Every structure is written in structure tokens, then in C-alpha cells.
Amino acid sequence: MQCKRCRKQHPDKDNYCSYCGAPLKLEILKQVRLAYELRRKKSVHNILTLLVKEGCIVPDKLNSLMARLEKAFGLKREAISE
């Protein structure tokens, strides 16, 4: 099996590249990407929630912006409330 990142060869039983640490199997790569995306979404949501609570962002304007982004990019949104 060849690493997609650094092109080093590995036995089929390996899950990660011993040279660069990249996942070698597609299902592991999908799990890593999903976990990263979930952490990223949660941290962005937490930051926006804090900014709303501190009064730095008006909730209605933020929700309006999120609705426009959802429409433009087909994203699912979570409403930010005080």
C-alpha cells in the first residue's frame, strides 16, 4: 500500500504511514476527517455563542447571516440564542 501524502510503501496491515503519520486506509481517513469537522464546527459555534453573550454580535444579525450562508452554500445551521 502506498501513502497518498508521501508516496512511501507500507504493508497492507498498516493503518498509518510510519513516515508522515497520514491514515492509509480510506475508512480511517473518513473517520479522521469527520472528527476534525465536528471539532471545528463545535469550536466555531462556541465562539459565536460567547460573542453573542458578551454583546459583541447581535443575535438577529448573526442568524440572518447564517440563513444567507445556508441558502448560498446549502449549509445546515444552528441558531445562536442569548
Protein backbone atom coordinates (compact mmCIF):
# COMPACT_ATOMS: atom_id res chain seq x y z
CA MET A 1 0.00 0.00 0.00
CA GLN A 2 1.32 3.45 -0.89
CA CYS A 3 0.84 6.55 1.28
CA LYS A 4 -1.12 9.20 -0.63
CA ARG A 5 0.77 12.02 1.12
CA CYS A 6 4.46 11.00 0.96
CA ARG A 7 4.32 8.06 -1.50
CA LYS A 8 6.17 5.63 0.80
CA GLN A 9 5.29 1.94 0.54
CA HIS A 10 3.76 0.08 3.52
CA PRO A 11 2.45 -3.43 4.23
CA ASP A 12 -1.34 -3.78 3.78
CA LYS A 13 -1.79 -4.36 7.52
CA ASP A 14 -0.59 -0.84 8.42
CA ASN A 15 -3.22 1.77 9.24
CA TYR A 16 -0.97 4.85 9.34
CA CYS A 17 2.17 5.92 7.45
CA SER A 18 5.26 5.45 9.61
CA TYR A 19 6.98 8.35 7.78
CA CYS A 20 4.39 11.14 7.81
CA GLY A 21 1.57 9.79 10.02
CA ALA A 22 -1.17 10.02 7.39
CA PRO A 23 -4.01 7.47 7.53
CA LEU A 24 -3.50 4.80 4.87
CA LYS A 25 -6.99 3.31 4.68
CA LEU A 26 -9.98 5.16 3.30
CA GLU A 27 -12.27 4.34 6.23
CA ILE A 28 -9.70 5.70 8.73
CA LEU A 29 -9.27 8.83 6.63
CA LYS A 30 -13.05 9.36 6.63
CA GLN A 31 -13.17 8.97 10.44
CA VAL A 32 -10.32 11.45 10.90
CA ARG A 33 -11.98 13.99 8.59
CA LEU A 34 -15.36 13.59 10.30
CA ALA A 35 -13.84 14.01 13.78
CA TYR A 36 -11.94 17.12 12.62
CA GLU A 37 -15.06 18.63 11.05
CA LEU A 38 -17.14 18.01 14.18
CA ARG A 39 -14.49 19.64 16.41
CA ARG A 40 -14.22 22.61 14.04
CA LYS A 41 -17.98 23.16 13.95
CA LYS A 42 -18.27 22.89 17.72
CA SER A 43 -15.46 25.38 18.35
CA VAL A 44 -16.89 27.91 15.86
CA HIS A 45 -20.34 27.54 17.43
CA ASN A 46 -18.87 28.03 20.93
CA ILE A 47 -17.01 31.18 19.86
CA LEU A 48 -20.10 32.66 18.19
CA THR A 49 -22.21 31.84 21.24
CA LEU A 50 -19.70 33.58 23.52
CA LEU A 51 -19.60 36.66 21.26
CA VAL A 52 -23.40 36.85 21.33
CA LYS A 53 -23.48 36.51 25.14
CA GLU A 54 -20.86 39.25 25.53
CA GLY A 55 -22.85 41.57 23.26
CA CYS A 56 -20.25 41.70 20.50
CA ILE A 57 -22.67 40.23 17.96
CA VAL A 58 -26.39 40.92 17.66
CA PRO A 59 -28.17 37.51 17.59
CA ASP A 60 -30.69 38.56 14.93
CA LYS A 61 -27.96 39.76 12.56
CA LEU A 62 -25.93 36.60 13.12
CA ASN A 63 -28.95 34.37 12.49
CA SER A 64 -29.74 36.40 9.35
CA LEU A 65 -26.17 35.94 8.11
CA MET A 66 -26.29 32.21 8.86
CA ALA A 67 -29.57 31.92 6.92
CA ARG A 68 -27.99 33.62 3.90
CA LEU A 69 -24.95 31.34 4.10
CA GLU A 70 -27.23 28.31 4.37
CA LYS A 71 -29.11 29.41 1.27
CA ALA A 72 -25.92 30.17 -0.69
CA PHE A 73 -23.95 27.07 0.29
CA GLY A 74 -26.62 24.60 1.33
CA LEU A 75 -25.28 24.51 4.89
CA LYS A 76 -27.29 23.40 7.89
CA ARG A 77 -27.20 25.96 10.68
CA GLU A 78 -27.78 26.08 14.38
CA ALA A 79 -29.47 29.23 15.62
CA ILE A 80 -27.50 31.25 18.13
CA SER A 81 -29.54 32.43 21.07
CA GLU A 82 -28.75 34.61 24.05
